[in-house]
Amino acid sequence: MGQMIDMYKIYFYVYPVINDLSDHDAQIIAFTDISTSTPRQSFTVIRKVNKNTITNFAYVLSYENWEDVFSETGVNVAYNNFF
């Protein structure tokens, strides 16, 4: 297997990540001397909250069926039904 980075010019650390989901551990590589350029454009998403948007949200929410959430006595099952 060939070398993917020049270890003599780039400083880095490799950390194992044990997530208990598999018998294989993930590996994270952290570079310490990498510089990145600043993006020229940035976007901001702004959610409008006013009387009309709240009314519309309540209207759309009224079409959801909440019976399986409110009729459940077990907290975890109710949460999973909600989710």
C-alpha atoms as a PDB file:
ATOM      1  CA  MET A   1       0.000   0.000   0.000  1.00  0.00           C
ATOM      2  CA  GLY A   2       1.367   3.407  -0.962  1.00  0.00           C
ATOM      3  CA  GLN A   3       1.791   6.362   1.292  1.00  0.00           C
ATOM      4  CA  MET A   4      -1.090   8.831   1.030  1.00  0.00           C
ATOM      5  CA  ILE A   5       0.451  11.836   2.783  1.00  0.00           C
ATOM      6  CA  ASP A   6       3.994  13.104   3.148  1.00  0.00           C
ATOM      7  CA  MET A   7       4.536  12.446   6.848  1.00  0.00           C
ATOM      8  CA  TYR A   8       7.669  14.579   6.897  1.00  0.00           C
ATOM      9  CA  LYS A   9       5.898  17.792   5.820  1.00  0.00           C
ATOM     10  CA  ILE A  10       2.470  17.507   7.469  1.00  0.00           C
ATOM     11  CA  TYR A  11       1.935  17.087  11.186  1.00  0.00           C
ATOM     12  CA  PHE A  12      -1.026  14.956  12.158  1.00  0.00           C
ATOM     13  CA  TYR A  13      -2.462  12.742  14.872  1.00  0.00           C
ATOM     14  CA  VAL A  14      -4.581   9.624  14.439  1.00  0.00           C
ATOM     15  CA  TYR A  15      -7.179   8.718  17.058  1.00  0.00           C
ATOM     16  CA  PRO A  16      -9.238   5.520  17.289  1.00  0.00           C
ATOM     17  CA  VAL A  17     -12.981   5.965  17.782  1.00  0.00           C
ATOM     18  CA  ILE A  18     -14.721   3.105  19.558  1.00  0.00           C
ATOM     19  CA  ASN A  19     -18.461   3.366  18.954  1.00  0.00           C
ATOM     20  CA  ASP A  20     -19.611  -0.131  20.011  1.00  0.00           C
ATOM     21  CA  LEU A  21     -21.628  -0.471  16.792  1.00  0.00           C
ATOM     22  CA  SER A  22     -19.213  -2.744  15.001  1.00  0.00           C
ATOM     23  CA  ASP A  23     -16.182  -4.899  15.586  1.00  0.00           C
ATOM     24  CA  HIS A  24     -14.221  -2.345  13.536  1.00  0.00           C
ATOM     25  CA  ASP A  25     -13.054   0.910  15.093  1.00  0.00           C
ATOM     26  CA  ALA A  26     -13.176   4.160  13.154  1.00  0.00           C
ATOM     27  CA  GLN A  27     -10.089   6.314  12.847  1.00  0.00           C
ATOM     28  CA  ILE A  28      -9.954  10.104  12.939  1.00  0.00           C
ATOM     29  CA  ILE A  29      -6.993  11.971  11.560  1.00  0.00           C
ATOM     30  CA  ALA A  30      -6.355  15.488  12.876  1.00  0.00           C
ATOM     31  CA  PHE A  31      -4.083  17.758  10.866  1.00  0.00           C
ATOM     32  CA  THR A  32      -2.389  20.464  12.903  1.00  0.00           C
ATOM     33  CA  ASP A  33      -0.977  22.775  10.251  1.00  0.00           C
ATOM     34  CA  ILE A  34      -3.562  22.988   7.484  1.00  0.00           C
ATOM     35  CA  SER A  35      -4.776  26.410   6.399  1.00  0.00           C
ATOM     36  CA  THR A  36      -8.057  26.889   4.593  1.00  0.00           C
ATOM     37  CA  SER A  37      -9.392  29.803   2.631  1.00  0.00           C
ATOM     38  CA  THR A  38     -12.437  31.773   3.714  1.00  0.00           C
ATOM     39  CA  PRO A  39     -15.466  31.204   1.486  1.00  0.00           C
ATOM     40  CA  ARG A  40     -16.449  34.220  -0.585  1.00  0.00           C
ATOM     41  CA  GLN A  41     -20.174  33.836  -0.059  1.00  0.00           C
ATOM     42  CA  SER A  42     -22.080  32.972   3.044  1.00  0.00           C
ATOM     43  CA  PHE A  43     -25.755  32.233   3.393  1.00  0.00           C
ATOM     44  CA  THR A  44     -27.997  32.765   6.363  1.00  0.00           C
ATOM     45  CA  VAL A  45     -31.336  31.069   6.786  1.00  0.00           C
ATOM     46  CA  ILE A  46     -33.799  33.055   8.841  1.00  0.00           C
ATOM     47  CA  ARG A  47     -37.074  31.541   9.951  1.00  0.00           C
ATOM     48  CA  LYS A  48     -39.910  34.043   9.951  1.00  0.00           C
ATOM     49  CA  VAL A  49     -41.967  33.875  13.134  1.00  0.00           C
ATOM     50  CA  ASN A  50     -45.039  36.054  13.067  1.00  0.00           C
ATOM     51  CA  LYS A  51     -48.792  35.747  13.514  1.00  0.00           C
ATOM     52  CA  ASN A  52     -49.301  34.282  10.024  1.00  0.00           C
ATOM     53  CA  THR A  53     -46.542  31.674  10.241  1.00  0.00           C
ATOM     54  CA  ILE A  54     -47.677  30.566  13.711  1.00  0.00           C
ATOM     55  CA  THR A  55     -51.277  30.263  12.484  1.00  0.00           C
ATOM     56  CA  ASN A  56     -50.133  28.252   9.470  1.00  0.00           C
ATOM     57  CA  PHE A  57     -47.997  25.985  11.686  1.00  0.00           C
ATOM     58  CA  ALA A  58     -50.953  25.312  14.011  1.00  0.00           C
ATOM     59  CA  TYR A  59     -53.153  24.600  10.984  1.00  0.00           C
ATOM     60  CA  VAL A  60     -50.703  22.106   9.464  1.00  0.00           C
ATOM     61  CA  LEU A  61     -50.089  20.528  12.880  1.00  0.00           C
ATOM     62  CA  SER A  62     -53.837  19.980  13.338  1.00  0.00           C
ATOM     63  CA  TYR A  63     -53.759  17.430  10.499  1.00  0.00           C
ATOM     64  CA  GLU A  64     -51.349  15.168  12.395  1.00  0.00           C
ATOM     65  CA  ASN A  65     -52.745  12.127  14.195  1.00  0.00           C
ATOM     66  CA  TRP A  66     -51.631  12.196  17.844  1.00  0.00           C
ATOM     67  CA  GLU A  67     -53.773   9.299  19.092  1.00  0.00           C
ATOM     68  CA  ASP A  68     -50.902   6.783  19.327  1.00  0.00           C
ATOM     69  CA  VAL A  69     -48.877   9.320  21.360  1.00  0.00           C
ATOM     70  CA  PHE A  70     -51.533  10.453  23.831  1.00  0.00           C
ATOM     71  CA  SER A  71     -53.137   7.045  24.362  1.00  0.00           C
ATOM     72  CA  GLU A  72     -49.833   5.370  25.265  1.00  0.00           C
ATOM     73  CA  THR A  73     -49.062   4.958  28.983  1.00  0.00           C
ATOM     74  CA  GLY A  74     -45.402   4.032  28.600  1.00  0.00           C
ATOM     75  CA  VAL A  75     -43.160   7.088  28.376  1.00  0.00           C
ATOM     76  CA  ASN A  76     -40.575   5.487  26.086  1.00  0.00           C
ATOM     77  CA  VAL A  77     -43.188   4.076  23.718  1.00  0.00           C
ATOM     78  CA  ALA A  78     -45.019   7.419  23.632  1.00  0.00           C
ATOM     79  CA  TYR A  79     -41.760   9.170  22.815  1.00  0.00           C
ATOM     80  CA  ASN A  80     -40.970   6.704  20.036  1.00  0.00           C
ATOM     81  CA  ASN A  81     -44.488   7.152  18.642  1.00  0.00           C
ATOM     82  CA  PHE A  82     -44.008  10.919  18.727  1.00  0.00           C
ATOM     83  CA  PHE A  83     -40.604  10.709  17.134  1.00  0.00           C
END
